[in-house]
Amino acid sequence: MTRRDPSSHAAAGITVTSIADAALAIIHADGVDSLTMRAVAERLQVRAPSLYHHVHNKSELLDLVARNAFDQFTADNTAYEELTTVDEWIELTRSGSLELRAFYTDHPGLAGLMQSKATPDRDQGAGSRAELIRAQIDALVRIGVPEPEARHLFEVTARWSLAAVVAEHADDTDLFADGLDLFLYGVRARLLELVS
């Protein structure tokens, strides 16, 4: 019987979740530019080749982070499933956007990464990002917005929020909230047109 090298992914207990968590911890501590396969391996106390079973290169590592960055927002999925009005969608989207802004502030460079990974089909597949996006779009459809318009409004809202966070400066904290309120005022008016 051959013994496994203790630094191998199985012996070390390396999982996709542990890799994503380690990557987010690195981004939180030092920013997205410091994220490397070697830094993740050091954080997990394994050799870098142990990661290659799950993630083949930095590009895949960044994709993994983008897919799983929103694990802490799963309560929002339930809230979106339970809402029944346009105003509830607006309020939940407002509070969620403010939470995401705080999350991005705590993870320097992550908003820019998410913006670069913002494809129209990102609600397909696995991961916390896809689940949250599906919950938001499904909520709009449930309150009477046709699916193509629901997808479009989600895209516009998500991209506005990401762009505002990326462009934000540390001393502009009130500008984001004010801009969000003005933006959502227009989204609300559009939603009310669509569901009437």
C-alpha atoms as a PDB file:
ATOM      1  CA  MET A   1       0.000   0.000   0.000  1.00  0.00           C
ATOM      2  CA  THR A   2       1.424   3.375  -1.018  1.00  0.00           C
ATOM      3  CA  ARG A   3       1.245   6.255   1.358  1.00  0.00           C
ATOM      4  CA  ARG A   4      -0.066   9.542   0.114  1.00  0.00           C
ATOM      5  CA  ASP A   5       2.126  12.591   0.333  1.00  0.00           C
ATOM      6  CA  PRO A   6       0.632  14.599   3.246  1.00  0.00           C
ATOM      7  CA  SER A   7       0.689  17.713   1.099  1.00  0.00           C
ATOM      8  CA  SER A   8      -1.607  16.183  -1.526  1.00  0.00           C
ATOM      9  CA  HIS A   9      -5.067  17.753  -1.808  1.00  0.00           C
ATOM     10  CA  ALA A  10      -6.895  14.731  -0.356  1.00  0.00           C
ATOM     11  CA  ALA A  11      -4.562  14.213   2.570  1.00  0.00           C
ATOM     12  CA  ALA A  12      -4.520  17.922   3.327  1.00  0.00           C
ATOM     13  CA  GLY A  13      -8.310  18.242   3.150  1.00  0.00           C
ATOM     14  CA  ILE A  14      -8.203  20.780   0.336  1.00  0.00           C
ATOM     15  CA  THR A  15     -11.643  21.563  -1.079  1.00  0.00           C
ATOM     16  CA  VAL A  16     -13.030  24.145  -3.450  1.00  0.00           C
ATOM     17  CA  THR A  17     -14.644  25.841  -0.455  1.00  0.00           C
ATOM     18  CA  SER A  18     -11.387  25.987   1.514  1.00  0.00           C
ATOM     19  CA  ILE A  19      -9.598  27.428  -1.528  1.00  0.00           C
ATOM     20  CA  ALA A  20     -12.304  30.069  -2.053  1.00  0.00           C
ATOM     21  CA  ASP A  21     -12.274  30.969   1.653  1.00  0.00           C
ATOM     22  CA  ALA A  22      -8.491  31.281   1.685  1.00  0.00           C
ATOM     23  CA  ALA A  23      -8.552  33.431  -1.455  1.00  0.00           C
ATOM     24  CA  LEU A  24     -11.149  35.774   0.057  1.00  0.00           C
ATOM     25  CA  ALA A  25      -9.109  36.012   3.262  1.00  0.00           C
ATOM     26  CA  ILE A  26      -6.062  37.035   1.213  1.00  0.00           C
ATOM     27  CA  ILE A  27      -8.096  39.634  -0.676  1.00  0.00           C
ATOM     28  CA  HIS A  28      -9.482  40.927   2.623  1.00  0.00           C
ATOM     29  CA  ALA A  29      -6.005  41.238   4.122  1.00  0.00           C
ATOM     30  CA  ASP A  30      -3.970  42.468   1.155  1.00  0.00           C
ATOM     31  CA  GLY A  31      -6.242  43.159  -1.835  1.00  0.00           C
ATOM     32  CA  VAL A  32      -6.995  41.245  -5.011  1.00  0.00           C
ATOM     33  CA  ASP A  33      -3.594  42.041  -6.527  1.00  0.00           C
ATOM     34  CA  SER A  34      -1.926  39.927  -3.824  1.00  0.00           C
ATOM     35  CA  LEU A  35      -3.950  36.842  -4.722  1.00  0.00           C
ATOM     36  CA  THR A  36      -1.697  34.130  -6.141  1.00  0.00           C
ATOM     37  CA  MET A  37      -1.743  30.360  -6.157  1.00  0.00           C
ATOM     38  CA  ARG A  38       1.320  30.427  -3.898  1.00  0.00           C
ATOM     39  CA  ALA A  39      -0.385  32.792  -1.398  1.00  0.00           C
ATOM     40  CA  VAL A  40      -3.445  30.511  -1.234  1.00  0.00           C
ATOM     41  CA  ALA A  41      -1.238  27.461  -0.727  1.00  0.00           C
ATOM     42  CA  GLU A  42       0.672  29.213   2.068  1.00  0.00           C
ATOM     43  CA  ARG A  43      -2.574  30.210   3.755  1.00  0.00           C
ATOM     44  CA  LEU A  44      -3.790  26.604   3.577  1.00  0.00           C
ATOM     45  CA  GLN A  45      -0.360  25.366   4.689  1.00  0.00           C
ATOM     46  CA  VAL A  46       0.149  23.147   1.652  1.00  0.00           C
ATOM     47  CA  ARG A  47       2.370  23.224  -1.396  1.00  0.00           C
ATOM     48  CA  ALA A  48       0.986  25.082  -4.418  1.00  0.00           C
ATOM     49  CA  PRO A  49       0.744  21.910  -6.583  1.00  0.00           C
ATOM     50  CA  SER A  50      -1.842  20.589  -4.106  1.00  0.00           C
ATOM     51  CA  LEU A  51      -4.274  23.222  -5.368  1.00  0.00           C
ATOM     52  CA  TYR A  52      -4.073  22.172  -9.008  1.00  0.00           C
ATOM     53  CA  HIS A  53      -6.549  19.327  -8.551  1.00  0.00           C
ATOM     54  CA  HIS A  54      -9.283  21.969  -8.065  1.00  0.00           C
ATOM     55  CA  VAL A  55      -7.849  25.125  -9.658  1.00  0.00           C
ATOM     56  CA  HIS A  56      -5.424  24.966 -12.576  1.00  0.00           C
ATOM     57  CA  ASN A  57      -4.224  28.560 -12.704  1.00  0.00           C
ATOM     58  CA  LYS A  58      -4.812  32.090 -11.440  1.00  0.00           C
ATOM     59  CA  SER A  59      -7.569  32.701 -13.970  1.00  0.00           C
ATOM     60  CA  GLU A  60      -9.526  29.734 -12.604  1.00  0.00           C
ATOM     61  CA  LEU A  61      -8.786  30.918  -9.068  1.00  0.00           C
ATOM     62  CA  LEU A  62     -10.297  34.324  -9.889  1.00  0.00           C
ATOM     63  CA  ASP A  63     -13.336  32.617 -11.445  1.00  0.00           C
ATOM     64  CA  LEU A  64     -13.731  30.523  -8.285  1.00  0.00           C
ATOM     65  CA  VAL A  65     -13.631  33.641  -6.115  1.00  0.00           C
ATOM     66  CA  ALA A  66     -16.208  35.343  -8.345  1.00  0.00           C
ATOM     67  CA  ARG A  67     -18.550  32.330  -8.189  1.00  0.00           C
ATOM     68  CA  ASN A  68     -18.322  31.906  -4.422  1.00  0.00           C
ATOM     69  CA  ALA A  69     -17.759  35.395  -3.038  1.00  0.00           C
ATOM     70  CA  PHE A  70     -21.332  35.793  -1.830  1.00  0.00           C
ATOM     71  CA  ASP A  71     -21.627  32.838   0.545  1.00  0.00           C
ATOM     72  CA  GLN A  72     -22.378  35.218   3.418  1.00  0.00           C
ATOM     73  CA  PHE A  73     -25.420  36.633   1.619  1.00  0.00           C
ATOM     74  CA  THR A  74     -27.539  33.459   1.509  1.00  0.00           C
ATOM     75  CA  ALA A  75     -30.159  35.024   3.815  1.00  0.00           C
ATOM     76  CA  ASP A  76     -30.894  37.488   1.005  1.00  0.00           C
ATOM     77  CA  ASN A  77     -31.900  34.559  -1.223  1.00  0.00           C
ATOM     78  CA  THR A  78     -34.670  33.635   1.225  1.00  0.00           C
ATOM     79  CA  ALA A  79     -35.779  37.243   1.538  1.00  0.00           C
ATOM     80  CA  TYR A  80     -36.040  37.569  -2.254  1.00  0.00           C
ATOM     81  CA  GLU A  81     -38.080  34.343  -2.357  1.00  0.00           C
ATOM     82  CA  GLU A  82     -40.581  35.777   0.131  1.00  0.00           C
ATOM     83  CA  LEU A  83     -41.133  39.285  -1.242  1.00  0.00           C
ATOM     84  CA  THR A  84     -44.357  40.134  -3.063  1.00  0.00           C
ATOM     85  CA  THR A  85     -44.173  43.814  -4.088  1.00  0.00           C
ATOM     86  CA  VAL A  86     -42.029  46.210  -6.072  1.00  0.00           C
ATOM     87  CA  ASP A  87     -41.333  48.261  -2.941  1.00  0.00           C
ATOM     88  CA  GLU A  88     -40.101  45.161  -1.089  1.00  0.00           C
ATOM     89  CA  TRP A  89     -37.767  44.366  -4.007  1.00  0.00           C
ATOM     90  CA  ILE A  90     -36.451  47.942  -4.002  1.00  0.00           C
ATOM     91  CA  GLU A  91     -35.864  47.945  -0.225  1.00  0.00           C
ATOM     92  CA  LEU A  92     -34.155  44.556  -0.242  1.00  0.00           C
ATOM     93  CA  THR A  93     -32.017  45.555  -3.219  1.00  0.00           C
ATOM     94  CA  ARG A  94     -31.070  48.812  -1.470  1.00  0.00           C
ATOM     95  CA  SER A  95     -30.059  47.123   1.772  1.00  0.00           C
ATOM     96  CA  GLY A  96     -28.265  44.352  -0.136  1.00  0.00           C
ATOM     97  CA  SER A  97     -26.371  46.891  -2.242  1.00  0.00           C
ATOM     98  CA  LEU A  98     -25.208  48.693   0.898  1.00  0.00           C
ATOM     99  CA  GLU A  99     -24.084  45.367   2.419  1.00  0.00           C
ATOM    100  CA  LEU A 100     -22.255  44.454  -0.788  1.00  0.00           C
ATOM    101  CA  ARG A 101     -20.577  47.855  -0.835  1.00  0.00           C
ATOM    102  CA  ALA A 102     -19.292  47.246   2.712  1.00  0.00           C
ATOM    103  CA  PHE A 103     -18.139  43.751   1.683  1.00  0.00           C
ATOM    104  CA  TYR A 104     -16.286  45.140  -1.338  1.00  0.00           C
ATOM    105  CA  THR A 105     -14.711  47.858   0.819  1.00  0.00           C
ATOM    106  CA  ASP A 106     -13.386  45.113   3.098  1.00  0.00           C
ATOM    107  CA  HIS A 107     -12.008  43.203   0.087  1.00  0.00           C
ATOM    108  CA  PRO A 108      -9.919  45.711  -1.930  1.00  0.00           C
ATOM    109  CA  GLY A 109     -10.087  45.148  -5.662  1.00  0.00           C
ATOM    110  CA  LEU A 110     -12.851  42.538  -5.476  1.00  0.00           C
ATOM    111  CA  ALA A 111     -15.489  44.854  -6.996  1.00  0.00           C
ATOM    112  CA  GLY A 112     -13.278  45.375 -10.037  1.00  0.00           C
ATOM    113  CA  LEU A 113     -12.806  41.620 -10.349  1.00  0.00           C
ATOM    114  CA  MET A 114     -16.562  41.064 -10.111  1.00  0.00           C
ATOM    115  CA  GLN A 115     -17.145  43.779 -12.698  1.00  0.00           C
ATOM    116  CA  SER A 116     -14.744  42.040 -15.081  1.00  0.00           C
ATOM    117  CA  LYS A 117     -16.603  38.734 -14.550  1.00  0.00           C
ATOM    118  CA  ALA A 118     -20.093  40.271 -15.012  1.00  0.00           C
ATOM    119  CA  THR A 119     -21.463  38.264 -17.925  1.00  0.00           C
ATOM    120  CA  PRO A 120     -25.194  38.136 -18.746  1.00  0.00           C
ATOM    121  CA  ASP A 121     -25.339  34.394 -18.051  1.00  0.00           C
ATOM    122  CA  ARG A 122     -23.705  34.469 -14.612  1.00  0.00           C
ATOM    123  CA  ASP A 123     -26.959  33.283 -13.008  1.00  0.00           C
ATOM    124  CA  GLN A 124     -26.365  29.910 -14.663  1.00  0.00           C
ATOM    125  CA  GLY A 125     -24.349  27.271 -12.889  1.00  0.00           C
ATOM    126  CA  ALA A 126     -23.251  26.816  -9.324  1.00  0.00           C
ATOM    127  CA  GLY A 127     -22.000  29.127  -6.623  1.00  0.00           C
ATOM    128  CA  SER A 128     -23.379  31.738  -4.284  1.00  0.00           C
ATOM    129  CA  ARG A 129     -23.211  34.487  -6.908  1.00  0.00           C
ATOM    130  CA  ALA A 130     -25.455  32.544  -9.330  1.00  0.00           C
ATOM    131  CA  GLU A 131     -27.904  31.668  -6.551  1.00  0.00           C
ATOM    132  CA  LEU A 132     -28.265  35.297  -5.449  1.00  0.00           C
ATOM    133  CA  ILE A 133     -28.701  36.521  -9.022  1.00  0.00           C
ATOM    134  CA  ARG A 134     -31.363  33.872  -9.724  1.00  0.00           C
ATOM    135  CA  ALA A 135     -33.221  34.829  -6.534  1.00  0.00           C
ATOM    136  CA  GLN A 136     -33.294  38.499  -7.571  1.00  0.00           C
ATOM    137  CA  ILE A 137     -34.457  37.802 -11.128  1.00  0.00           C
ATOM    138  CA  ASP A 138     -37.033  35.210 -10.008  1.00  0.00           C
ATOM    139  CA  ALA A 139     -38.465  37.719  -7.501  1.00  0.00           C
ATOM    140  CA  LEU A 140     -38.978  40.275 -10.264  1.00  0.00           C
ATOM    141  CA  VAL A 141     -40.696  37.687 -12.468  1.00  0.00           C
ATOM    142  CA  ARG A 142     -42.915  36.615  -9.562  1.00  0.00           C
ATOM    143  CA  ILE A 143     -44.153  40.189  -9.003  1.00  0.00           C
ATOM    144  CA  GLY A 144     -45.111  40.463 -12.650  1.00  0.00           C
ATOM    145  CA  VAL A 145     -42.058  41.669 -14.576  1.00  0.00           C
ATOM    146  CA  PRO A 146     -41.561  39.740 -17.825  1.00  0.00           C
ATOM    147  CA  GLU A 147     -38.360  37.672 -17.638  1.00  0.00           C
ATOM    148  CA  PRO A 148     -36.403  39.549 -20.343  1.00  0.00           C
ATOM    149  CA  GLU A 149     -37.089  42.856 -18.586  1.00  0.00           C
ATOM    150  CA  ALA A 150     -36.342  41.304 -15.184  1.00  0.00           C
ATOM    151  CA  ARG A 151     -32.938  40.154 -16.447  1.00  0.00           C
ATOM    152  CA  HIS A 152     -32.259  43.546 -17.996  1.00  0.00           C
ATOM    153  CA  LEU A 153     -33.205  45.442 -14.830  1.00  0.00           C
ATOM    154  CA  PHE A 154     -31.067  43.139 -12.729  1.00  0.00           C
ATOM    155  CA  GLU A 155     -28.091  43.686 -15.065  1.00  0.00           C
ATOM    156  CA  VAL A 156     -28.520  47.461 -15.017  1.00  0.00           C
ATOM    157  CA  THR A 157     -28.814  47.505 -11.217  1.00  0.00           C
ATOM    158  CA  ALA A 158     -25.866  45.166 -10.619  1.00  0.00           C
ATOM    159  CA  ARG A 159     -23.584  46.945 -13.056  1.00  0.00           C
ATOM    160  CA  TRP A 160     -24.486  50.389 -11.680  1.00  0.00           C
ATOM    161  CA  SER A 161     -23.691  49.205  -8.149  1.00  0.00           C
ATOM    162  CA  LEU A 162     -20.377  47.636  -9.159  1.00  0.00           C
ATOM    163  CA  ALA A 163     -19.328  50.657 -11.206  1.00  0.00           C
ATOM    164  CA  ALA A 164     -20.204  52.999  -8.327  1.00  0.00           C
ATOM    165  CA  VAL A 165     -18.149  50.924  -5.873  1.00  0.00           C
ATOM    166  CA  VAL A 166     -15.172  50.715  -8.248  1.00  0.00           C
ATOM    167  CA  ALA A 167     -15.263  54.497  -8.796  1.00  0.00           C
ATOM    168  CA  GLU A 168     -15.748  55.325  -5.119  1.00  0.00           C
ATOM    169  CA  HIS A 169     -13.125  57.014  -2.962  1.00  0.00           C
ATOM    170  CA  ALA A 170     -12.778  56.400   0.764  1.00  0.00           C
ATOM    171  CA  ASP A 171     -14.155  59.850   1.622  1.00  0.00           C
ATOM    172  CA  ASP A 172     -17.238  59.499  -0.646  1.00  0.00           C
ATOM    173  CA  THR A 173     -19.277  57.163   1.559  1.00  0.00           C
ATOM    174  CA  ASP A 174     -22.452  59.272   1.406  1.00  0.00           C
ATOM    175  CA  LEU A 175     -22.263  59.598  -2.376  1.00  0.00           C
ATOM    176  CA  PHE A 176     -22.810  55.873  -2.875  1.00  0.00           C
ATOM    177  CA  ALA A 177     -25.960  55.802  -0.708  1.00  0.00           C
ATOM    178  CA  ASP A 178     -27.304  59.006  -2.285  1.00  0.00           C
ATOM    179  CA  GLY A 179     -26.595  57.749  -5.796  1.00  0.00           C
ATOM    180  CA  LEU A 180     -28.160  54.389  -4.972  1.00  0.00           C
ATOM    181  CA  ASP A 181     -31.345  56.063  -3.734  1.00  0.00           C
ATOM    182  CA  LEU A 182     -31.611  58.198  -6.878  1.00  0.00           C
ATOM    183  CA  PHE A 183     -30.885  55.221  -9.110  1.00  0.00           C
ATOM    184  CA  LEU A 184     -33.443  52.991  -7.361  1.00  0.00           C
ATOM    185  CA  TYR A 185     -36.039  55.764  -7.585  1.00  0.00           C
ATOM    186  CA  GLY A 186     -35.817  55.412 -11.375  1.00  0.00           C
ATOM    187  CA  VAL A 187     -35.777  51.599 -11.216  1.00  0.00           C
ATOM    188  CA  ARG A 188     -38.907  51.674  -9.031  1.00  0.00           C
ATOM    189  CA  ALA A 189     -40.721  53.888 -11.555  1.00  0.00           C
ATOM    190  CA  ARG A 190     -39.758  51.496 -14.359  1.00  0.00           C
ATOM    191  CA  LEU A 191     -40.885  48.446 -12.364  1.00  0.00           C
ATOM    192  CA  LEU A 192     -44.246  50.017 -11.587  1.00  0.00           C
ATOM    193  CA  GLU A 193     -44.770  50.635 -15.320  1.00  0.00           C
ATOM    194  CA  LEU A 194     -43.948  47.017 -16.104  1.00  0.00           C
ATOM    195  CA  VAL A 195     -46.220  45.426 -13.506  1.00  0.00           C
ATOM    196  CA  SER A 196     -49.260  47.655 -14.031  1.00  0.00           C
END
